[in-house]
Amino acid sequence: MEKQQSKDPLHGITLKSILEKLVDHYGFDTLGELVKIKCFNDNPSVKSSLTFLRKTDWARKEVEELYIQSLSKFDK
């Protein structure tokens, strides 16, 4: 039997990987404009952003949605 693959684009991807990919592509300045959260605009770092996103569901959801919308841009 073949294993079914998940259709969830976030399946198997860590929050850290998502954030690093977004920062590499957009940078914190643009990311802070796209997702209005303080940790992207005020002394940003991956570590501090991860801490905030792990505690704040609405912010994590926005970051995950931006990642999904940006997937096609990452391939270019």
PDB file of N, CA and C in Angstrom:
ATOM      1  N   MET A   1       0.831  -1.196   0.000  1.00  0.00           N
ATOM      2  CA  MET A   1       0.000   0.000   0.000  1.00  0.00           C
ATOM      3  C   MET A   1       0.870   1.252   0.000  1.00  0.00           C
ATOM      4  N   GLU A   2       0.412   2.235  -0.726  1.00  0.00           N
ATOM      5  CA  GLU A   2       1.124   3.500  -0.758  1.00  0.00           C
ATOM      6  C   GLU A   2       0.690   4.358   0.424  1.00  0.00           C
ATOM      7  N   LYS A   3       1.658   5.132   0.932  1.00  0.00           N
ATOM      8  CA  LYS A   3       1.330   6.074   2.000  1.00  0.00           C
ATOM      9  C   LYS A   3       0.710   7.309   1.372  1.00  0.00           C
ATOM     10  N   GLN A   4      -0.335   7.797   1.990  1.00  0.00           N
ATOM     11  CA  GLN A   4      -0.962   9.021   1.496  1.00  0.00           C
ATOM     12  C   GLN A   4      -0.177  10.219   2.003  1.00  0.00           C
ATOM     13  N   GLN A   5       0.038  11.165   1.119  1.00  0.00           N
ATOM     14  CA  GLN A   5       0.710  12.383   1.521  1.00  0.00           C
ATOM     15  C   GLN A   5      -0.327  13.404   1.956  1.00  0.00           C
ATOM     16  N   SER A   6       0.032  14.171   2.966  1.00  0.00           N
ATOM     17  CA  SER A   6      -0.851  15.211   3.462  1.00  0.00           C
ATOM     18  C   SER A   6      -0.968  16.327   2.424  1.00  0.00           C
ATOM     19  N   LYS A   7      -2.152  16.864   2.299  1.00  0.00           N
ATOM     20  CA  LYS A   7      -2.366  17.995   1.390  1.00  0.00           C
ATOM     21  C   LYS A   7      -2.149  19.323   2.115  1.00  0.00           C
ATOM     22  N   ASP A   8      -1.875  19.271   3.401  1.00  0.00           N
ATOM     23  CA  ASP A   8      -1.606  20.465   4.187  1.00  0.00           C
ATOM     24  C   ASP A   8      -0.206  20.979   3.845  1.00  0.00           C
ATOM     25  N   PRO A   9      -0.091  22.201   3.306  1.00  0.00           N
ATOM     26  CA  PRO A   9       1.225  22.717   2.923  1.00  0.00           C
ATOM     27  C   PRO A   9       2.151  22.949   4.118  1.00  0.00           C
ATOM     28  N   LEU A  10       1.601  22.954   5.328  1.00  0.00           N
ATOM     29  CA  LEU A  10       2.410  23.156   6.525  1.00  0.00           C
ATOM     30  C   LEU A  10       2.837  21.842   7.169  1.00  0.00           C
ATOM     31  N   HIS A  11       2.370  20.728   6.621  1.00  0.00           N
ATOM     32  CA  HIS A  11       2.666  19.417   7.195  1.00  0.00           C
ATOM     33  C   HIS A  11       4.175  19.161   7.198  1.00  0.00           C
ATOM     34  N   GLY A  12       4.710  18.881   8.362  1.00  0.00           N
ATOM     35  CA  GLY A  12       6.117  18.535   8.496  1.00  0.00           C
ATOM     36  C   GLY A  12       7.067  19.720   8.504  1.00  0.00           C
ATOM     37  N   ILE A  13       6.550  20.930   8.510  1.00  0.00           N
ATOM     38  CA  ILE A  13       7.395  22.123   8.503  1.00  0.00           C
ATOM     39  C   ILE A  13       7.311  22.790   9.870  1.00  0.00           C
ATOM     40  N   THR A  14       8.461  23.066  10.446  1.00  0.00           N
ATOM     41  CA  THR A  14       8.481  23.694  11.767  1.00  0.00           C
ATOM     42  C   THR A  14       8.225  25.194  11.655  1.00  0.00           C
ATOM     43  N   LEU A  15       7.763  25.767  12.742  1.00  0.00           N
ATOM     44  CA  LEU A  15       7.546  27.205  12.784  1.00  0.00           C
ATOM     45  C   LEU A  15       8.864  27.946  12.536  1.00  0.00           C
ATOM     46  N   LYS A  16       9.946  27.416  13.057  1.00  0.00           N
ATOM     47  CA  LYS A  16      11.256  28.038  12.841  1.00  0.00           C
ATOM     48  C   LYS A  16      11.602  28.070  11.352  1.00  0.00           C
ATOM     49  N   SER A  17      11.359  26.976  10.647  1.00  0.00           N
ATOM     50  CA  SER A  17      11.633  26.927   9.203  1.00  0.00           C
ATOM     51  C   SER A  17      10.773  27.926   8.445  1.00  0.00           C
ATOM     52  N   ILE A  18       9.506  28.011   8.825  1.00  0.00           N
ATOM     53  CA  ILE A  18       8.584  28.962   8.195  1.00  0.00           C
ATOM     54  C   ILE A  18       9.101  30.386   8.375  1.00  0.00           C
ATOM     55  N   LEU A  19       9.445  30.720   9.613  1.00  0.00           N
ATOM     56  CA  LEU A  19       9.902  32.072   9.922  1.00  0.00           C
ATOM     57  C   LEU A  19      11.215  32.384   9.204  1.00  0.00           C
ATOM     58  N   GLU A  20      12.146  31.460   9.211  1.00  0.00           N
ATOM     59  CA  GLU A  20      13.434  31.691   8.551  1.00  0.00           C
ATOM     60  C   GLU A  20      13.253  31.898   7.038  1.00  0.00           C
ATOM     61  N   LYS A  21      12.371  31.128   6.436  1.00  0.00           N
ATOM     62  CA  LYS A  21      12.112  31.268   4.995  1.00  0.00           C
ATOM     63  C   LYS A  21      11.506  32.645   4.699  1.00  0.00           C
ATOM     64  N   LEU A  22      10.562  33.079   5.540  1.00  0.00           N
ATOM     65  CA  LEU A  22       9.938  34.389   5.347  1.00  0.00           C
ATOM     66  C   LEU A  22      10.945  35.519   5.542  1.00  0.00           C
ATOM     67  N   VAL A  23      11.779  35.406   6.560  1.00  0.00           N
ATOM     68  CA  VAL A  23      12.785  36.443   6.818  1.00  0.00           C
ATOM     69  C   VAL A  23      13.802  36.489   5.685  1.00  0.00           C
ATOM     70  N   ASP A  24      14.226  35.325   5.196  1.00  0.00           N
ATOM     71  CA  ASP A  24      15.170  35.289   4.074  1.00  0.00           C
ATOM     72  C   ASP A  24      14.581  35.945   2.829  1.00  0.00           C
ATOM     73  N   HIS A  25      13.308  35.713   2.604  1.00  0.00           N
ATOM     74  CA  HIS A  25      12.664  36.237   1.397  1.00  0.00           C
ATOM     75  C   HIS A  25      12.297  37.721   1.527  1.00  0.00           C
ATOM     76  N   TYR A  26      11.668  38.085   2.625  1.00  0.00           N
ATOM     77  CA  TYR A  26      11.149  39.446   2.792  1.00  0.00           C
ATOM     78  C   TYR A  26      12.047  40.359   3.618  1.00  0.00           C
ATOM     79  N   GLY A  27      12.764  39.803   4.589  1.00  0.00           N
ATOM     80  CA  GLY A  27      13.476  40.622   5.566  1.00  0.00           C
ATOM     81  C   GLY A  27      12.501  41.062   6.643  1.00  0.00           C
ATOM     82  N   PHE A  28      13.023  41.427   7.801  1.00  0.00           N
ATOM     83  CA  PHE A  28      12.142  41.807   8.904  1.00  0.00           C
ATOM     84  C   PHE A  28      11.363  43.087   8.618  1.00  0.00           C
ATOM     85  N   ASP A  29      11.957  44.026   7.871  1.00  0.00           N
ATOM     86  CA  ASP A  29      11.258  45.288   7.586  1.00  0.00           C
ATOM     87  C   ASP A  29       9.958  45.044   6.830  1.00  0.00           C
ATOM     88  N   THR A  30      10.039  44.311   5.731  1.00  0.00           N
ATOM     89  CA  THR A  30       8.844  44.020   4.935  1.00  0.00           C
ATOM     90  C   THR A  30       7.910  43.082   5.685  1.00  0.00           C
ATOM     91  N   LEU A  31       8.470  42.114   6.377  1.00  0.00           N
ATOM     92  CA  LEU A  31       7.651  41.182   7.152  1.00  0.00           C
ATOM     93  C   LEU A  31       6.839  41.933   8.205  1.00  0.00           C
ATOM     94  N   GLY A  32       7.449  42.935   8.818  1.00  0.00           N
ATOM     95  CA  GLY A  32       6.753  43.756   9.810  1.00  0.00           C
ATOM     96  C   GLY A  32       5.621  44.572   9.208  1.00  0.00           C
ATOM     97  N   GLU A  33       5.733  44.902   7.927  1.00  0.00           N
ATOM     98  CA  GLU A  33       4.645  45.612   7.247  1.00  0.00           C
ATOM     99  C   GLU A  33       3.521  44.655   6.871  1.00  0.00           C
ATOM    100  N   LEU A  34       3.889  43.444   6.485  1.00  0.00           N
ATOM    101  CA  LEU A  34       2.892  42.460   6.048  1.00  0.00           C
ATOM    102  C   LEU A  34       2.126  41.853   7.221  1.00  0.00           C
ATOM    103  N   VAL A  35       2.823  41.626   8.322  1.00  0.00           N
ATOM    104  CA  VAL A  35       2.209  41.072   9.533  1.00  0.00           C
ATOM    105  C   VAL A  35       2.542  42.050  10.653  1.00  0.00           C
ATOM    106  N   LYS A  36       1.543  42.787  11.076  1.00  0.00           N
ATOM    107  CA  LYS A  36       1.771  43.876  12.023  1.00  0.00           C
ATOM    108  C   LYS A  36       1.880  43.360  13.459  1.00  0.00           C
ATOM    109  N   ILE A  37       3.072  42.881  13.792  1.00  0.00           N
ATOM    110  CA  ILE A  37       3.344  42.481  15.168  1.00  0.00           C
ATOM    111  C   ILE A  37       4.672  43.099  15.590  1.00  0.00           C
ATOM    112  N   LYS A  38       4.737  43.499  16.837  1.00  0.00           N
ATOM    113  CA  LYS A  38       5.863  44.258  17.356  1.00  0.00           C
ATOM    114  C   LYS A  38       7.196  43.519  17.231  1.00  0.00           C
ATOM    115  N   CYS A  39       7.187  42.209  17.392  1.00  0.00           N
ATOM    116  CA  CYS A  39       8.455  41.466  17.379  1.00  0.00           C
ATOM    117  C   CYS A  39       9.129  41.494  16.012  1.00  0.00           C
ATOM    118  N   PHE A  40       8.415  41.886  14.953  1.00  0.00           N
ATOM    119  CA  PHE A  40       9.031  42.020  13.629  1.00  0.00           C
ATOM    120  C   PHE A  40       9.556  43.435  13.397  1.00  0.00           C
ATOM    121  N   ASN A  41       9.108  44.385  14.206  1.00  0.00           N
ATOM    122  CA  ASN A  41       9.459  45.786  13.989  1.00  0.00           C
ATOM    123  C   ASN A  41      10.384  46.372  15.048  1.00  0.00           C
ATOM    124  N   ASP A  42      10.354  45.844  16.249  1.00  0.00           N
ATOM    125  CA  ASP A  42      11.118  46.408  17.359  1.00  0.00           C
ATOM    126  C   ASP A  42      12.215  45.431  17.776  1.00  0.00           C
ATOM    127  N   ASN A  43      13.448  45.686  17.323  1.00  0.00           N
ATOM    128  CA  ASN A  43      14.594  44.834  17.637  1.00  0.00           C
ATOM    129  C   ASN A  43      14.328  43.373  17.273  1.00  0.00           C
ATOM    130  N   PRO A  44      14.037  43.107  16.007  1.00  0.00           N
ATOM    131  CA  PRO A  44      13.612  41.767  15.600  1.00  0.00           C
ATOM    132  C   PRO A  44      14.741  40.732  15.602  1.00  0.00           C
ATOM    133  N   SER A  45      14.368  39.525  15.953  1.00  0.00           N
ATOM    134  CA  SER A  45      15.262  38.375  15.831  1.00  0.00           C
ATOM    135  C   SER A  45      14.385  37.140  15.657  1.00  0.00           C
ATOM    136  N   VAL A  46      14.956  36.105  15.090  1.00  0.00           N
ATOM    137  CA  VAL A  46      14.200  34.866  14.911  1.00  0.00           C
ATOM    138  C   VAL A  46      13.812  34.311  16.270  1.00  0.00           C
ATOM    139  N   LYS A  47      14.737  34.340  17.221  1.00  0.00           N
ATOM    140  CA  LYS A  47      14.476  33.774  18.549  1.00  0.00           C
ATOM    141  C   LYS A  47      13.315  34.476  19.257  1.00  0.00           C
ATOM    142  N   SER A  48      13.342  35.807  19.292  1.00  0.00           N
ATOM    143  CA  SER A  48      12.271  36.534  19.989  1.00  0.00           C
ATOM    144  C   SER A  48      10.940  36.375  19.256  1.00  0.00           C
ATOM    145  N   SER A  49      10.993  36.318  17.929  1.00  0.00           N
ATOM    146  CA  SER A  49       9.772  36.142  17.149  1.00  0.00           C
ATOM    147  C   SER A  49       9.168  34.766  17.391  1.00  0.00           C
ATOM    148  N   LEU A  50      10.010  33.736  17.443  1.00  0.00           N
ATOM    149  CA  LEU A  50       9.509  32.389  17.715  1.00  0.00           C
ATOM    150  C   LEU A  50       8.842  32.311  19.079  1.00  0.00           C
ATOM    151  N   THR A  51       9.454  32.936  20.070  1.00  0.00           N
ATOM    152  CA  THR A  51       8.882  32.940  21.421  1.00  0.00           C
ATOM    153  C   THR A  51       7.487  33.552  21.407  1.00  0.00           C
ATOM    154  N   PHE A  52       7.349  34.692  20.733  1.00  0.00           N
ATOM    155  CA  PHE A  52       6.050  35.358  20.652  1.00  0.00           C
ATOM    156  C   PHE A  52       5.041  34.525  19.871  1.00  0.00           C
ATOM    157  N   LEU A  53       5.443  34.018  18.714  1.00  0.00           N
ATOM    158  CA  LEU A  53       4.521  33.276  17.862  1.00  0.00           C
ATOM    159  C   LEU A  53       4.040  31.983  18.510  1.00  0.00           C
ATOM    160  N   ARG A  54       4.877  31.360  19.301  1.00  0.00           N
ATOM    161  CA  ARG A  54       4.475  30.116  19.980  1.00  0.00           C
ATOM    162  C   ARG A  54       3.429  30.375  21.069  1.00  0.00           C
ATOM    163  N   LYS A  55       3.397  31.602  21.578  1.00  0.00           N
ATOM    164  CA  LYS A  55       2.447  31.954  22.643  1.00  0.00           C
ATOM    165  C   LYS A  55       1.180  32.612  22.110  1.00  0.00           C
ATOM    166  N   THR A  56       1.218  33.097  20.872  1.00  0.00           N
ATOM    167  CA  THR A  56       0.138  33.935  20.358  1.00  0.00           C
ATOM    168  C   THR A  56      -0.452  33.308  19.093  1.00  0.00           C
ATOM    169  N   ASP A  57      -1.576  32.633  19.270  1.00  0.00           N
ATOM    170  CA  ASP A  57      -2.180  31.877  18.170  1.00  0.00           C
ATOM    171  C   ASP A  57      -2.547  32.733  16.967  1.00  0.00           C
ATOM    172  N   TRP A  58      -3.145  33.916  17.180  1.00  0.00           N
ATOM    173  CA  TRP A  58      -3.579  34.737  16.052  1.00  0.00           C
ATOM    174  C   TRP A  58      -2.380  35.184  15.213  1.00  0.00           C
ATOM    175  N   ALA A  59      -1.266  35.512  15.862  1.00  0.00           N
ATOM    176  CA  ALA A  59      -0.077  35.960  15.137  1.00  0.00           C
ATOM    177  C   ALA A  59       0.544  34.794  14.363  1.00  0.00           C
ATOM    178  N   ARG A  60       0.589  33.621  14.998  1.00  0.00           N
ATOM    179  CA  ARG A  60       1.132  32.446  14.321  1.00  0.00           C
ATOM    180  C   ARG A  60       0.300  32.121  13.079  1.00  0.00           C
ATOM    181  N   LYS A  61      -1.010  32.231  13.220  1.00  0.00           N
ATOM    182  CA  LYS A  61      -1.895  31.940  12.088  1.00  0.00           C
ATOM    183  C   LYS A  61      -1.622  32.909  10.935  1.00  0.00           C
ATOM    184  N   GLU A  62      -1.421  34.184  11.228  1.00  0.00           N
ATOM    185  CA  GLU A  62      -1.126  35.165  10.179  1.00  0.00           C
ATOM    186  C   GLU A  62       0.197  34.855   9.482  1.00  0.00           C
ATOM    187  N   VAL A  63       1.197  34.456  10.258  1.00  0.00           N
ATOM    188  CA  VAL A  63       2.505  34.122   9.686  1.00  0.00           C
ATOM    189  C   VAL A  63       2.387  32.871   8.810  1.00  0.00           C
ATOM    190  N   GLU A  64       1.649  31.877   9.282  1.00  0.00           N
ATOM    191  CA  GLU A  64       1.457  30.656   8.500  1.00  0.00           C
ATOM    192  C   GLU A  64       0.695  30.944   7.202  1.00  0.00           C
ATOM    193  N   GLU A  65      -0.301  31.817   7.263  1.00  0.00           N
ATOM    194  CA  GLU A  65      -1.057  32.181   6.059  1.00  0.00           C
ATOM    195  C   GLU A  65      -0.173  32.917   5.057  1.00  0.00           C
ATOM    196  N   LEU A  66       0.684  33.815   5.552  1.00  0.00           N
ATOM    197  CA  LEU A  66       1.614  34.512   4.668  1.00  0.00           C
ATOM    198  C   LEU A  66       2.576  33.517   4.019  1.00  0.00           C
ATOM    199  N   TYR A  67       3.031  32.555   4.780  1.00  0.00           N
ATOM    200  CA  TYR A  67       3.927  31.526   4.246  1.00  0.00           C
ATOM    201  C   TYR A  67       3.250  30.758   3.105  1.00  0.00           C
ATOM    202  N   ILE A  68       2.010  30.342   3.330  1.00  0.00           N
ATOM    203  CA  ILE A  68       1.277  29.604   2.301  1.00  0.00           C
ATOM    204  C   ILE A  68       1.092  30.457   1.055  1.00  0.00           C
ATOM    205  N   GLN A  69       0.740  31.726   1.231  1.00  0.00           N
ATOM    206  CA  GLN A  69       0.554  32.636   0.091  1.00  0.00           C
ATOM    207  C   GLN A  69       1.862  32.885  -0.654  1.00  0.00           C
ATOM    208  N   SER A  70       2.992  32.768   0.041  1.00  0.00           N
ATOM    209  CA  SER A  70       4.295  33.079  -0.537  1.00  0.00           C
ATOM    210  C   SER A  70       5.006  31.881  -1.121  1.00  0.00           C
ATOM    211  N   LEU A  71       4.472  30.695  -0.981  1.00  0.00           N
ATOM    212  CA  LEU A  71       5.160  29.497  -1.442  1.00  0.00           C
ATOM    213  C   LEU A  71       5.612  29.581  -2.895  1.00  0.00           C
ATOM    214  N   SER A  72       4.779  30.096  -3.760  1.00  0.00           N
ATOM    215  CA  SER A  72       5.143  30.192  -5.175  1.00  0.00           C
ATOM    216  C   SER A  72       6.299  31.175  -5.403  1.00  0.00           C
ATOM    217  N   LYS A  73       6.435  32.172  -4.559  1.00  0.00           N
ATOM    218  CA  LYS A  73       7.521  33.142  -4.684  1.00  0.00           C
ATOM    219  C   LYS A  73       8.852  32.547  -4.256  1.00  0.00           C
ATOM    220  N   PHE A  74       8.833  31.592  -3.341  1.00  0.00           N
ATOM    221  CA  PHE A  74      10.067  30.991  -2.836  1.00  0.00           C
ATOM    222  C   PHE A  74      10.764  30.173  -3.904  1.00  0.00           C
ATOM    223  N   ASP A  75      10.023  29.602  -4.825  1.00  0.00           N
ATOM    224  CA  ASP A  75      10.591  28.746  -5.849  1.00  0.00           C
ATOM    225  C   ASP A  75      11.353  29.526  -6.917  1.00  0.00           C
ATOM    226  N   LYS A  76      11.107  30.796  -6.978  1.00  0.00           N
ATOM    227  CA  LYS A  76      11.710  31.627  -8.035  1.00  0.00           C
ATOM    228  C   LYS A  76      13.065  32.134  -7.628  1.00  0.00           C
TER     229      LYS A  76
END
